[in-house]
Amino acid sequence: MPYAREGRERGQVAIEYLGFIPILILVALAGVQIGLIAYTAQQAGTAARAGARAASLEQSAEDGCRTAVSGWLADGTSCPESYGGDEVTVTATVDIPSIVPGWDFGDAQKTATMPLDR
């Protein structure tokens, strides 16, 4: 009776796949979140350089920062400027978005310094 045993194990693989799906979803969410963190850090660097360049040309650092980042990150971006001698320093702070509700990953901060263009 070799067929009797095969009949009992017929749905075992399907049950194993169902048990593994939550782990796959968690790994996928973690991968996407790590990508978002890296992208936000890159955008913060771009915002800091653009804000410092705008401030060195006697324009608004905030406007330079906000136009340099992606539109969906612009609302969580701030770029205060500080002047010292013949240069301006801008620190861009961009809020890291979270794909999991309730988790806060903080902010990405980058700083750029440019000489004043007078």
PDB file of N, CA and C in Angstrom:
ATOM      1  N   MET A   1       0.801  -1.193   0.000  1.00  0.00           N
ATOM      2  CA  MET A   1       0.000   0.000   0.000  1.00  0.00           C
ATOM      3  C   MET A   1       0.855   1.273   0.000  1.00  0.00           C
ATOM      4  N   PRO A   2       1.657   1.480  -0.989  1.00  0.00           N
ATOM      5  CA  PRO A   2       2.491   2.682  -1.023  1.00  0.00           C
ATOM      6  C   PRO A   2       1.683   3.939  -1.289  1.00  0.00           C
ATOM      7  N   TYR A   3       0.523   3.808  -1.894  1.00  0.00           N
ATOM      8  CA  TYR A   3      -0.275   4.989  -2.227  1.00  0.00           C
ATOM      9  C   TYR A   3      -0.989   5.593  -1.024  1.00  0.00           C
ATOM     10  N   ALA A   4      -1.243   4.835  -0.004  1.00  0.00           N
ATOM     11  CA  ALA A   4      -1.951   5.333   1.171  1.00  0.00           C
ATOM     12  C   ALA A   4      -1.132   6.406   1.890  1.00  0.00           C
ATOM     13  N   ARG A   5       0.172   6.224   1.939  1.00  0.00           N
ATOM     14  CA  ARG A   5       1.020   7.209   2.614  1.00  0.00           C
ATOM     15  C   ARG A   5       1.099   8.518   1.821  1.00  0.00           C
ATOM     16  N   GLU A   6       1.173   8.453   0.522  1.00  0.00           N
ATOM     17  CA  GLU A   6       1.244   9.654  -0.312  1.00  0.00           C
ATOM     18  C   GLU A   6      -0.021  10.491  -0.190  1.00  0.00           C
ATOM     19  N   GLY A   7      -1.135   9.894  -0.006  1.00  0.00           N
ATOM     20  CA  GLY A   7      -2.385  10.613   0.123  1.00  0.00           C
ATOM     21  C   GLY A   7      -2.440  11.463   1.378  1.00  0.00           C
ATOM     22  N   ARG A   8      -1.802  11.004   2.447  1.00  0.00           N
ATOM     23  CA  ARG A   8      -1.819  11.753   3.696  1.00  0.00           C
ATOM     24  C   ARG A   8      -0.872  12.956   3.662  1.00  0.00           C
ATOM     25  N   GLU A   9       0.162  12.927   2.849  1.00  0.00           N
ATOM     26  CA  GLU A   9       1.162  14.005   2.806  1.00  0.00           C
ATOM     27  C   GLU A   9       0.908  14.987   1.666  1.00  0.00           C
ATOM     28  N   ARG A  10      -0.183  14.871   1.057  1.00  0.00           N
ATOM     29  CA  ARG A  10      -0.463  15.642  -0.141  1.00  0.00           C
ATOM     30  C   ARG A  10      -0.446  17.158   0.088  1.00  0.00           C
ATOM     31  N   GLY A  11      -0.975  17.675   1.155  1.00  0.00           N
ATOM     32  CA  GLY A  11      -1.042  19.115   1.393  1.00  0.00           C
ATOM     33  C   GLY A  11       0.095  19.661   2.236  1.00  0.00           C
ATOM     34  N   GLN A  12       1.092  18.835   2.537  1.00  0.00           N
ATOM     35  CA  GLN A  12       2.168  19.261   3.419  1.00  0.00           C
ATOM     36  C   GLN A  12       2.967  20.423   2.836  1.00  0.00           C
ATOM     37  N   VAL A  13       3.290  20.395   1.584  1.00  0.00           N
ATOM     38  CA  VAL A  13       4.084  21.458   0.956  1.00  0.00           C
ATOM     39  C   VAL A  13       3.319  22.773   0.954  1.00  0.00           C
ATOM     40  N   ALA A  14       2.035  22.725   0.700  1.00  0.00           N
ATOM     41  CA  ALA A  14       1.226  23.941   0.711  1.00  0.00           C
ATOM     42  C   ALA A  14       1.195  24.564   2.105  1.00  0.00           C
ATOM     43  N   ILE A  15       1.097  23.746   3.130  1.00  0.00           N
ATOM     44  CA  ILE A  15       1.096  24.248   4.506  1.00  0.00           C
ATOM     45  C   ILE A  15       2.460  24.849   4.847  1.00  0.00           C
ATOM     46  N   GLU A  16       3.551  24.243   4.401  1.00  0.00           N
ATOM     47  CA  GLU A  16       4.883  24.790   4.653  1.00  0.00           C
ATOM     48  C   GLU A  16       5.051  26.148   3.975  1.00  0.00           C
ATOM     49  N   TYR A  17       4.561  26.298   2.770  1.00  0.00           N
ATOM     50  CA  TYR A  17       4.625  27.588   2.080  1.00  0.00           C
ATOM     51  C   TYR A  17       3.824  28.657   2.831  1.00  0.00           C
ATOM     52  N   LEU A  18       2.647  28.288   3.311  1.00  0.00           N
ATOM     53  CA  LEU A  18       1.832  29.239   4.066  1.00  0.00           C
ATOM     54  C   LEU A  18       2.532  29.682   5.347  1.00  0.00           C
ATOM     55  N   GLY A  19       3.254  28.801   5.971  1.00  0.00           N
ATOM     56  CA  GLY A  19       3.983  29.156   7.180  1.00  0.00           C
ATOM     57  C   GLY A  19       5.191  30.037   6.899  1.00  0.00           C
ATOM     58  N   PHE A  20       5.736  29.950   5.710  1.00  0.00           N
ATOM     59  CA  PHE A  20       6.930  30.710   5.355  1.00  0.00           C
ATOM     60  C   PHE A  20       6.607  32.099   4.793  1.00  0.00           C
ATOM     61  N   ILE A  21       5.371  32.320   4.372  1.00  0.00           N
ATOM     62  CA  ILE A  21       4.976  33.607   3.773  1.00  0.00           C
ATOM     63  C   ILE A  21       5.187  34.788   4.724  1.00  0.00           C
ATOM     64  N   PRO A  22       4.825  34.728   6.006  1.00  0.00           N
ATOM     65  CA  PRO A  22       5.082  35.878   6.885  1.00  0.00           C
ATOM     66  C   PRO A  22       6.567  36.242   6.987  1.00  0.00           C
ATOM     67  N   ILE A  23       7.438  35.251   6.979  1.00  0.00           N
ATOM     68  CA  ILE A  23       8.879  35.516   7.022  1.00  0.00           C
ATOM     69  C   ILE A  23       9.322  36.217   5.745  1.00  0.00           C
ATOM     70  N   LEU A  24       8.827  35.764   4.615  1.00  0.00           N
ATOM     71  CA  LEU A  24       9.165  36.413   3.344  1.00  0.00           C
ATOM     72  C   LEU A  24       8.674  37.861   3.308  1.00  0.00           C
ATOM     73  N   ILE A  25       7.493  38.105   3.833  1.00  0.00           N
ATOM     74  CA  ILE A  25       6.956  39.473   3.868  1.00  0.00           C
ATOM     75  C   ILE A  25       7.811  40.364   4.758  1.00  0.00           C
ATOM     76  N   LEU A  26       8.228  39.865   5.923  1.00  0.00           N
ATOM     77  CA  LEU A  26       9.084  40.650   6.817  1.00  0.00           C
ATOM     78  C   LEU A  26      10.431  40.967   6.172  1.00  0.00           C
ATOM     79  N   VAL A  27      11.021  40.005   5.497  1.00  0.00           N
ATOM     80  CA  VAL A  27      12.298  40.241   4.822  1.00  0.00           C
ATOM     81  C   VAL A  27      12.122  41.271   3.708  1.00  0.00           C
ATOM     82  N   ALA A  28      11.039  41.184   2.957  1.00  0.00           N
ATOM     83  CA  ALA A  28      10.781  42.157   1.885  1.00  0.00           C
ATOM     84  C   ALA A  28      10.570  43.559   2.468  1.00  0.00           C
ATOM     85  N   LEU A  29       9.801  43.677   3.547  1.00  0.00           N
ATOM     86  CA  LEU A  29       9.587  44.982   4.178  1.00  0.00           C
ATOM     87  C   LEU A  29      10.892  45.560   4.708  1.00  0.00           C
ATOM     88  N   ALA A  30      11.731  44.724   5.301  1.00  0.00           N
ATOM     89  CA  ALA A  30      13.027  45.196   5.804  1.00  0.00           C
ATOM     90  C   ALA A  30      13.901  45.684   4.657  1.00  0.00           C
ATOM     91  N   GLY A  31      13.896  44.978   3.539  1.00  0.00           N
ATOM     92  CA  GLY A  31      14.676  45.406   2.375  1.00  0.00           C
ATOM     93  C   GLY A  31      14.203  46.734   1.814  1.00  0.00           C
ATOM     94  N   VAL A  32      12.906  46.905   1.731  1.00  0.00           N
ATOM     95  CA  VAL A  32      12.358  48.173   1.233  1.00  0.00           C
ATOM     96  C   VAL A  32      12.677  49.308   2.203  1.00  0.00           C
ATOM     97  N   GLN A  33      12.572  49.043   3.520  1.00  0.00           N
ATOM     98  CA  GLN A  33      12.863  50.079   4.506  1.00  0.00           C
ATOM     99  C   GLN A  33      14.335  50.486   4.472  1.00  0.00           C
ATOM    100  N   ILE A  34      15.230  49.538   4.318  1.00  0.00           N
ATOM    101  CA  ILE A  34      16.655  49.865   4.214  1.00  0.00           C
ATOM    102  C   ILE A  34      16.908  50.708   2.968  1.00  0.00           C
ATOM    103  N   GLY A  35      16.243  50.380   1.886  1.00  0.00           N
ATOM    104  CA  GLY A  35      16.360  51.187   0.669  1.00  0.00           C
ATOM    105  C   GLY A  35      15.857  52.605   0.880  1.00  0.00           C
ATOM    106  N   LEU A  36      14.745  52.766   1.600  1.00  0.00           N
ATOM    107  CA  LEU A  36      14.214  54.101   1.901  1.00  0.00           C
ATOM    108  C   LEU A  36      15.180  54.909   2.767  1.00  0.00           C
ATOM    109  N   ILE A  37      15.807  54.258   3.721  1.00  0.00           N
ATOM    110  CA  ILE A  37      16.770  54.947   4.588  1.00  0.00           C
ATOM    111  C   ILE A  37      17.959  55.428   3.763  1.00  0.00           C
ATOM    112  N   ALA A  38      18.484  54.571   2.896  1.00  0.00           N
ATOM    113  CA  ALA A  38      19.622  54.955   2.059  1.00  0.00           C
ATOM    114  C   ALA A  38      19.244  56.076   1.092  1.00  0.00           C
ATOM    115  N   TYR A  39      18.067  55.988   0.491  1.00  0.00           N
ATOM    116  CA  TYR A  39      17.614  57.018  -0.437  1.00  0.00           C
ATOM    117  C   TYR A  39      17.438  58.358   0.268  1.00  0.00           C
ATOM    118  N   THR A  40      16.881  58.327   1.481  1.00  0.00           N
ATOM    119  CA  THR A  40      16.681  59.562   2.239  1.00  0.00           C
ATOM    120  C   THR A  40      18.017  60.190   2.614  1.00  0.00           C
ATOM    121  N   ALA A  41      19.001  59.380   2.979  1.00  0.00           N
ATOM    122  CA  ALA A  41      20.330  59.904   3.300  1.00  0.00           C
ATOM    123  C   ALA A  41      20.954  60.556   2.066  1.00  0.00           C
ATOM    124  N   GLN A  42      20.783  59.943   0.913  1.00  0.00           N
ATOM    125  CA  GLN A  42      21.304  60.524  -0.330  1.00  0.00           C
ATOM    126  C   GLN A  42      20.603  61.833  -0.638  1.00  0.00           C
ATOM    127  N   GLN A  43      19.293  61.888  -0.432  1.00  0.00           N
ATOM    128  CA  GLN A  43      18.533  63.105  -0.679  1.00  0.00           C
ATOM    129  C   GLN A  43      18.927  64.217   0.292  1.00  0.00           C
ATOM    130  N   ALA A  44      19.257  63.859   1.538  1.00  0.00           N
ATOM    131  CA  ALA A  44      19.710  64.854   2.512  1.00  0.00           C
ATOM    132  C   ALA A  44      21.030  65.476   2.069  1.00  0.00           C
ATOM    133  N   GLY A  45      21.936  64.673   1.526  1.00  0.00           N
ATOM    134  CA  GLY A  45      23.195  65.208   1.012  1.00  0.00           C
ATOM    135  C   GLY A  45      22.977  66.144  -0.157  1.00  0.00           C
ATOM    136  N   THR A  46      22.089  65.759  -1.052  1.00  0.00           N
ATOM    137  CA  THR A  46      21.766  66.619  -2.195  1.00  0.00           C
ATOM    138  C   THR A  46      21.140  67.923  -1.718  1.00  0.00           C
ATOM    139  N   ALA A  47      20.243  67.841  -0.744  1.00  0.00           N
ATOM    140  CA  ALA A  47      19.582  69.037  -0.216  1.00  0.00           C
ATOM    141  C   ALA A  47      20.579  69.965   0.458  1.00  0.00           C
ATOM    142  N   ALA A  48      21.521  69.408   1.208  1.00  0.00           N
ATOM    143  CA  ALA A  48      22.519  70.238   1.888  1.00  0.00           C
ATOM    144  C   ALA A  48      23.387  70.979   0.881  1.00  0.00           C
ATOM    145  N   ARG A  49      23.831  70.284  -0.159  1.00  0.00           N
ATOM    146  CA  ARG A  49      24.661  70.947  -1.184  1.00  0.00           C
ATOM    147  C   ARG A  49      23.879  72.011  -1.940  1.00  0.00           C
ATOM    148  N   ALA A  50      22.637  71.713  -2.301  1.00  0.00           N
ATOM    149  CA  ALA A  50      21.817  72.690  -3.025  1.00  0.00           C
ATOM    150  C   ALA A  50      21.485  73.888  -2.149  1.00  0.00           C
ATOM    151  N   GLY A  51      21.191  73.641  -0.877  1.00  0.00           N
ATOM    152  CA  GLY A  51      20.899  74.737   0.047  1.00  0.00           C
ATOM    153  C   GLY A  51      22.113  75.618   0.288  1.00  0.00           C
ATOM    154  N   ALA A  52      23.281  75.001   0.425  1.00  0.00           N
ATOM    155  CA  ALA A  52      24.509  75.775   0.628  1.00  0.00           C
ATOM    156  C   ALA A  52      24.842  76.593  -0.620  1.00  0.00           C
ATOM    157  N   ARG A  53      24.621  76.008  -1.773  1.00  0.00           N
ATOM    158  CA  ARG A  53      24.879  76.756  -3.018  1.00  0.00           C
ATOM    159  C   ARG A  53      23.918  77.934  -3.136  1.00  0.00           C
ATOM    160  N   ALA A  54      22.655  77.726  -2.828  1.00  0.00           N
ATOM    161  CA  ALA A  54      21.671  78.815  -2.891  1.00  0.00           C
ATOM    162  C   ALA A  54      22.024  79.911  -1.894  1.00  0.00           C
ATOM    163  N   ALA A  55      22.391  79.524  -0.675  1.00  0.00           N
ATOM    164  CA  ALA A  55      22.745  80.522   0.339  1.00  0.00           C
ATOM    165  C   ALA A  55      24.019  81.271  -0.045  1.00  0.00           C
ATOM    166  N   SER A  56      24.958  80.603  -0.719  1.00  0.00           N
ATOM    167  CA  SER A  56      26.189  81.281  -1.131  1.00  0.00           C
ATOM    168  C   SER A  56      25.919  82.324  -2.213  1.00  0.00           C
ATOM    169  N   LEU A  57      24.812  82.161  -2.913  1.00  0.00           N
ATOM    170  CA  LEU A  57      24.409  83.131  -3.943  1.00  0.00           C
ATOM    171  C   LEU A  57      23.392  84.124  -3.395  1.00  0.00           C
ATOM    172  N   GLU A  58      23.263  84.181  -2.061  1.00  0.00           N
ATOM    173  CA  GLU A  58      22.358  85.083  -1.358  1.00  0.00           C
ATOM    174  C   GLU A  58      20.896  84.830  -1.712  1.00  0.00           C
ATOM    175  N   GLN A  59      20.555  83.556  -1.849  1.00  0.00           N
ATOM    176  CA  GLN A  59      19.171  83.135  -2.042  1.00  0.00           C
ATOM    177  C   GLN A  59      18.752  82.325  -0.812  1.00  0.00           C
ATOM    178  N   SER A  60      17.533  81.860  -0.795  1.00  0.00           N
ATOM    179  CA  SER A  60      17.018  81.107   0.345  1.00  0.00           C
ATOM    180  C   SER A  60      17.552  79.672   0.350  1.00  0.00           C
ATOM    181  N   ALA A  61      18.199  79.306   1.446  1.00  0.00           N
ATOM    182  CA  ALA A  61      18.695  77.933   1.582  1.00  0.00           C
ATOM    183  C   ALA A  61      17.532  76.950   1.671  1.00  0.00           C
ATOM    184  N   GLU A  62      16.452  77.344   2.354  1.00  0.00           N
ATOM    185  CA  GLU A  62      15.278  76.469   2.483  1.00  0.00           C
ATOM    186  C   GLU A  62      14.686  76.144   1.113  1.00  0.00           C
ATOM    187  N   ASP A  63      14.553  77.160   0.257  1.00  0.00           N
ATOM    188  CA  ASP A  63      14.011  76.928  -1.085  1.00  0.00           C
ATOM    189  C   ASP A  63      14.940  76.033  -1.901  1.00  0.00           C
ATOM    190  N   GLY A  64      16.227  76.265  -1.781  1.00  0.00           N
ATOM    191  CA  GLY A  64      17.198  75.428  -2.498  1.00  0.00           C
ATOM    192  C   GLY A  64      17.125  73.981  -2.060  1.00  0.00           C
ATOM    193  N   CYS A  65      16.974  73.772  -0.769  1.00  0.00           N
ATOM    194  CA  CYS A  65      16.870  72.404  -0.237  1.00  0.00           C
ATOM    195  C   CYS A  65      15.602  71.709  -0.714  1.00  0.00           C
ATOM    196  N   ARG A  66      14.493  72.399  -0.570  1.00  0.00           N
ATOM    197  CA  ARG A  66      13.206  71.773  -0.895  1.00  0.00           C
ATOM    198  C   ARG A  66      13.058  71.451  -2.380  1.00  0.00           C
ATOM    199  N   THR A  67      13.651  72.257  -3.238  1.00  0.00           N
ATOM    200  CA  THR A  67      13.558  71.957  -4.665  1.00  0.00           C
ATOM    201  C   THR A  67      14.523  70.851  -5.079  1.00  0.00           C
ATOM    202  N   ALA A  68      15.534  70.571  -4.254  1.00  0.00           N
ATOM    203  CA  ALA A  68      16.519  69.553  -4.601  1.00  0.00           C
ATOM    204  C   ALA A  68      16.081  68.139  -4.225  1.00  0.00           C
ATOM    205  N   VAL A  69      15.157  68.009  -3.270  1.00  0.00           N
ATOM    206  CA  VAL A  69      14.718  66.681  -2.848  1.00  0.00           C
ATOM    207  C   VAL A  69      13.453  66.273  -3.592  1.00  0.00           C
ATOM    208  N   SER A  70      13.158  64.997  -3.554  1.00  0.00           N
ATOM    209  CA  SER A  70      11.930  64.486  -4.165  1.00  0.00           C
ATOM    210  C   SER A  70      10.721  65.137  -3.509  1.00  0.00           C
ATOM    211  N   GLY A  71       9.676  65.324  -4.282  1.00  0.00           N
ATOM    212  CA  GLY A  71       8.486  66.006  -3.792  1.00  0.00           C
ATOM    213  C   GLY A  71       7.872  65.376  -2.554  1.00  0.00           C
ATOM    214  N   TRP A  72       7.880  64.053  -2.451  1.00  0.00           N
ATOM    215  CA  TRP A  72       7.267  63.386  -1.312  1.00  0.00           C
ATOM    216  C   TRP A  72       8.130  63.455  -0.057  1.00  0.00           C
ATOM    217  N   LEU A  73       9.382  63.913  -0.179  1.00  0.00           N
ATOM    218  CA  LEU A  73      10.242  64.112   0.987  1.00  0.00           C
ATOM    219  C   LEU A  73      10.359  65.586   1.383  1.00  0.00           C
ATOM    220  N   ALA A  74       9.910  66.483   0.531  1.00  0.00           N
ATOM    221  CA  ALA A  74      10.115  67.920   0.745  1.00  0.00           C
ATOM    222  C   ALA A  74       9.415  68.429   2.001  1.00  0.00           C
ATOM    223  N   ASP A  75       8.256  67.882   2.350  1.00  0.00           N
ATOM    224  CA  ASP A  75       7.536  68.366   3.534  1.00  0.00           C
ATOM    225  C   ASP A  75       8.299  68.092   4.826  1.00  0.00           C
ATOM    226  N   GLY A  76       9.085  67.029   4.865  1.00  0.00           N
ATOM    227  CA  GLY A  76       9.842  66.693   6.069  1.00  0.00           C
ATOM    228  C   GLY A  76      11.277  67.168   6.023  1.00  0.00           C
ATOM    229  N   THR A  77      11.543  68.223   5.248  1.00  0.00           N
ATOM    230  CA  THR A  77      12.909  68.718   5.070  1.00  0.00           C
ATOM    231  C   THR A  77      13.065  70.097   5.681  1.00  0.00           C
ATOM    232  N   SER A  78      14.163  70.280   6.428  1.00  0.00           N
ATOM    233  CA  SER A  78      14.503  71.612   6.930  1.00  0.00           C
ATOM    234  C   SER A  78      16.003  71.830   6.718  1.00  0.00           C
ATOM    235  N   CYS A  79      16.368  73.078   6.442  1.00  0.00           N
ATOM    236  CA  CYS A  79      17.750  73.403   6.105  1.00  0.00           C
ATOM    237  C   CYS A  79      18.177  74.738   6.716  1.00  0.00           C
ATOM    238  N   PRO A  80      18.479  74.768   8.001  1.00  0.00           N
ATOM    239  CA  PRO A  80      18.981  76.021   8.570  1.00  0.00           C
ATOM    240  C   PRO A  80      20.389  76.319   8.064  1.00  0.00           C
ATOM    241  N   GLU A  81      20.678  77.592   7.947  1.00  0.00           N
ATOM    242  CA  GLU A  81      21.982  78.017   7.449  1.00  0.00           C
ATOM    243  C   GLU A  81      22.715  78.782   8.531  1.00  0.00           C
ATOM    244  N   SER A  82      24.044  78.728   8.482  1.00  0.00           N
ATOM    245  CA  SER A  82      24.856  79.510   9.415  1.00  0.00           C
ATOM    246  C   SER A  82      26.041  80.075   8.641  1.00  0.00           C
ATOM    247  N   TYR A  83      26.314  81.326   8.908  1.00  0.00           N
ATOM    248  CA  TYR A  83      27.393  82.024   8.213  1.00  0.00           C
ATOM    249  C   TYR A  83      28.596  82.146   9.142  1.00  0.00           C
ATOM    250  N   GLY A  84      29.769  81.965   8.566  1.00  0.00           N
ATOM    251  CA  GLY A  84      30.999  82.128   9.328  1.00  0.00           C
ATOM    252  C   GLY A  84      32.103  82.607   8.405  1.00  0.00           C
ATOM    253  N   GLY A  85      32.515  83.826   8.563  1.00  0.00           N
ATOM    254  CA  GLY A  85      33.559  84.368   7.701  1.00  0.00           C
ATOM    255  C   GLY A  85      33.094  84.479   6.262  1.00  0.00           C
ATOM    256  N   ASP A  86      33.817  83.855   5.372  1.00  0.00           N
ATOM    257  CA  ASP A  86      33.497  83.907   3.946  1.00  0.00           C
ATOM    258  C   ASP A  86      32.809  82.641   3.451  1.00  0.00           C
ATOM    259  N   GLU A  87      32.125  81.924   4.328  1.00  0.00           N
ATOM    260  CA  GLU A  87      31.464  80.690   3.911  1.00  0.00           C
ATOM    261  C   GLU A  87      30.120  80.536   4.619  1.00  0.00           C
ATOM    262  N   VAL A  88      29.307  79.678   4.048  1.00  0.00           N
ATOM    263  CA  VAL A  88      27.994  79.377   4.616  1.00  0.00           C
ATOM    264  C   VAL A  88      27.901  77.857   4.778  1.00  0.00           C
ATOM    265  N   THR A  89      27.321  77.436   5.889  1.00  0.00           N
ATOM    266  CA  THR A  89      27.125  76.018   6.168  1.00  0.00           C
ATOM    267  C   THR A  89      25.632  75.749   6.297  1.00  0.00           C
ATOM    268  N   VAL A  90      25.181  74.730   5.614  1.00  0.00           N
ATOM    269  CA  VAL A  90      23.772  74.333   5.656  1.00  0.00           C
ATOM    270  C   VAL A  90      23.702  72.878   6.107  1.00  0.00           C
ATOM    271  N   THR A  91      22.856  72.628   7.091  1.00  0.00           N
ATOM    272  CA  THR A  91      22.614  71.264   7.561  1.00  0.00           C
ATOM    273  C   THR A  91      21.195  70.872   7.157  1.00  0.00           C
ATOM    274  N   ALA A  92      21.098  69.909   6.271  1.00  0.00           N
ATOM    275  CA  ALA A  92      19.789  69.437   5.800  1.00  0.00           C
ATOM    276  C   ALA A  92      19.328  68.284   6.685  1.00  0.00           C
ATOM    277  N   THR A  93      18.100  68.370   7.136  1.00  0.00           N
ATOM    278  CA  THR A  93      17.484  67.315   7.930  1.00  0.00           C
ATOM    279  C   THR A  93      16.240  66.843   7.188  1.00  0.00           C
ATOM    280  N   VAL A  94      16.233  65.566   6.834  1.00  0.00           N
ATOM    281  CA  VAL A  94      15.119  64.990   6.082  1.00  0.00           C
ATOM    282  C   VAL A  94      14.532  63.853   6.910  1.00  0.00           C
ATOM    283  N   ASP A  95      13.221  63.883   7.110  1.00  0.00           N
ATOM    284  CA  ASP A  95      12.530  62.852   7.872  1.00  0.00           C
ATOM    285  C   ASP A  95      12.520  61.547   7.075  1.00  0.00           C
ATOM    286  N   ILE A  96      12.961  60.454   7.710  1.00  0.00           N
ATOM    287  CA  ILE A  96      12.983  59.151   7.040  1.00  0.00           C
ATOM    288  C   ILE A  96      11.578  58.560   7.074  1.00  0.00           C
ATOM    289  N   PRO A  97      10.984  58.292   5.910  1.00  0.00           N
ATOM    290  CA  PRO A  97       9.636  57.703   5.901  1.00  0.00           C
ATOM    291  C   PRO A  97       9.675  56.241   6.346  1.00  0.00           C
ATOM    292  N   SER A  98       8.589  55.796   6.919  1.00  0.00           N
ATOM    293  CA  SER A  98       8.482  54.420   7.390  1.00  0.00           C
ATOM    294  C   SER A  98       7.332  53.725   6.670  1.00  0.00           C
ATOM    295  N   ILE A  99       7.585  52.496   6.218  1.00  0.00           N
ATOM    296  CA  ILE A  99       6.509  51.747   5.568  1.00  0.00           C
ATOM    297  C   ILE A  99       5.713  50.940   6.591  1.00  0.00           C
ATOM    298  N   VAL A 100       6.231  50.852   7.821  1.00  0.00           N
ATOM    299  CA  VAL A 100       5.522  50.158   8.886  1.00  0.00           C
ATOM    300  C   VAL A 100       4.949  51.216   9.825  1.00  0.00           C
ATOM    301  N   PRO A 101       3.636  51.313   9.921  1.00  0.00           N
ATOM    302  CA  PRO A 101       3.036  52.334  10.791  1.00  0.00           C
ATOM    303  C   PRO A 101       3.498  52.176  12.238  1.00  0.00           C
ATOM    304  N   GLY A 102       3.816  53.319  12.854  1.00  0.00           N
ATOM    305  CA  GLY A 102       4.218  53.304  14.248  1.00  0.00           C
ATOM    306  C   GLY A 102       5.712  53.223  14.478  1.00  0.00           C
ATOM    307  N   TRP A 103       6.484  52.881  13.466  1.00  0.00           N
ATOM    308  CA  TRP A 103       7.934  52.821  13.607  1.00  0.00           C
ATOM    309  C   TRP A 103       8.531  54.134  13.146  1.00  0.00           C
ATOM    310  N   ASP A 104       9.398  54.706  13.967  1.00  0.00           N
ATOM    311  CA  ASP A 104      10.049  55.966  13.628  1.00  0.00           C
ATOM    312  C   ASP A 104      11.543  55.725  13.476  1.00  0.00           C
ATOM    313  N   PHE A 105      12.082  56.032  12.329  1.00  0.00           N
ATOM    314  CA  PHE A 105      13.499  55.824  12.060  1.00  0.00           C
ATOM    315  C   PHE A 105      14.300  57.118  12.175  1.00  0.00           C
ATOM    316  N   GLY A 106      13.664  58.175  12.651  1.00  0.00           N
ATOM    317  CA  GLY A 106      14.369  59.428  12.884  1.00  0.00           C
ATOM    318  C   GLY A 106      14.576  60.237  11.620  1.00  0.00           C
ATOM    319  N   ASP A 107      15.682  60.972  11.590  1.00  0.00           N
ATOM    320  CA  ASP A 107      15.987  61.873  10.483  1.00  0.00           C
ATOM    321  C   ASP A 107      17.349  61.531   9.893  1.00  0.00           C
ATOM    322  N   ALA A 108      17.513  61.887   8.638  1.00  0.00           N
ATOM    323  CA  ALA A 108      18.825  61.825   7.986  1.00  0.00           C
ATOM    324  C   ALA A 108      19.366  63.246   7.947  1.00  0.00           C
ATOM    325  N   GLN A 109      20.598  63.430   8.408  1.00  0.00           N
ATOM    326  CA  GLN A 109      21.208  64.762   8.429  1.00  0.00           C
ATOM    327  C   GLN A 109      22.510  64.756   7.652  1.00  0.00           C
ATOM    328  N   LYS A 110      22.674  65.749   6.821  1.00  0.00           N
ATOM    329  CA  LYS A 110      23.913  65.955   6.071  1.00  0.00           C
ATOM    330  C   LYS A 110      24.238  67.439   6.100  1.00  0.00           C
ATOM    331  N   THR A 111      25.524  67.766   6.074  1.00  0.00           N
ATOM    332  CA  THR A 111      25.993  69.133   6.132  1.00  0.00           C
ATOM    333  C   THR A 111      26.865  69.443   4.928  1.00  0.00           C
ATOM    334  N   ALA A 112      26.715  70.645   4.400  1.00  0.00           N
ATOM    335  CA  ALA A 112      27.558  71.105   3.282  1.00  0.00           C
ATOM    336  C   ALA A 112      27.988  72.536   3.557  1.00  0.00           C
ATOM    337  N   THR A 113      29.208  72.860   3.173  1.00  0.00           N
ATOM    338  CA  THR A 113      29.764  74.201   3.336  1.00  0.00           C
ATOM    339  C   THR A 113      30.222  74.712   1.975  1.00  0.00           C
ATOM    340  N   MET A 114      29.880  75.954   1.673  1.00  0.00           N
ATOM    341  CA  MET A 114      30.267  76.584   0.410  1.00  0.00           C
ATOM    342  C   MET A 114      30.830  77.980   0.686  1.00  0.00           C
ATOM    343  N   PRO A 115      31.759  78.423  -0.133  1.00  0.00           N
ATOM    344  CA  PRO A 115      32.234  79.809   0.007  1.00  0.00           C
ATOM    345  C   PRO A 115      31.171  80.764  -0.500  1.00  0.00           C
ATOM    346  N   LEU A 116      31.108  81.929   0.115  1.00  0.00           N
ATOM    347  CA  LEU A 116      30.161  82.954  -0.327  1.00  0.00           C
ATOM    348  C   LEU A 116      30.612  83.524  -1.661  1.00  0.00           C
ATOM    349  N   ASP A 117      29.684  83.654  -2.561  1.00  0.00           N
ATOM    350  CA  ASP A 117      29.963  84.161  -3.918  1.00  0.00           C
ATOM    351  C   ASP A 117      29.565  85.624  -3.954  1.00  0.00           C
ATOM    352  N   ARG A 118      30.512  86.487  -3.664  1.00  0.00           N
ATOM    353  CA  ARG A 118      30.206  87.906  -3.593  1.00  0.00           C
ATOM    354  C   ARG A 118      30.849  88.649  -4.713  1.00  0.00           C
TER     355      ARG A 118
END
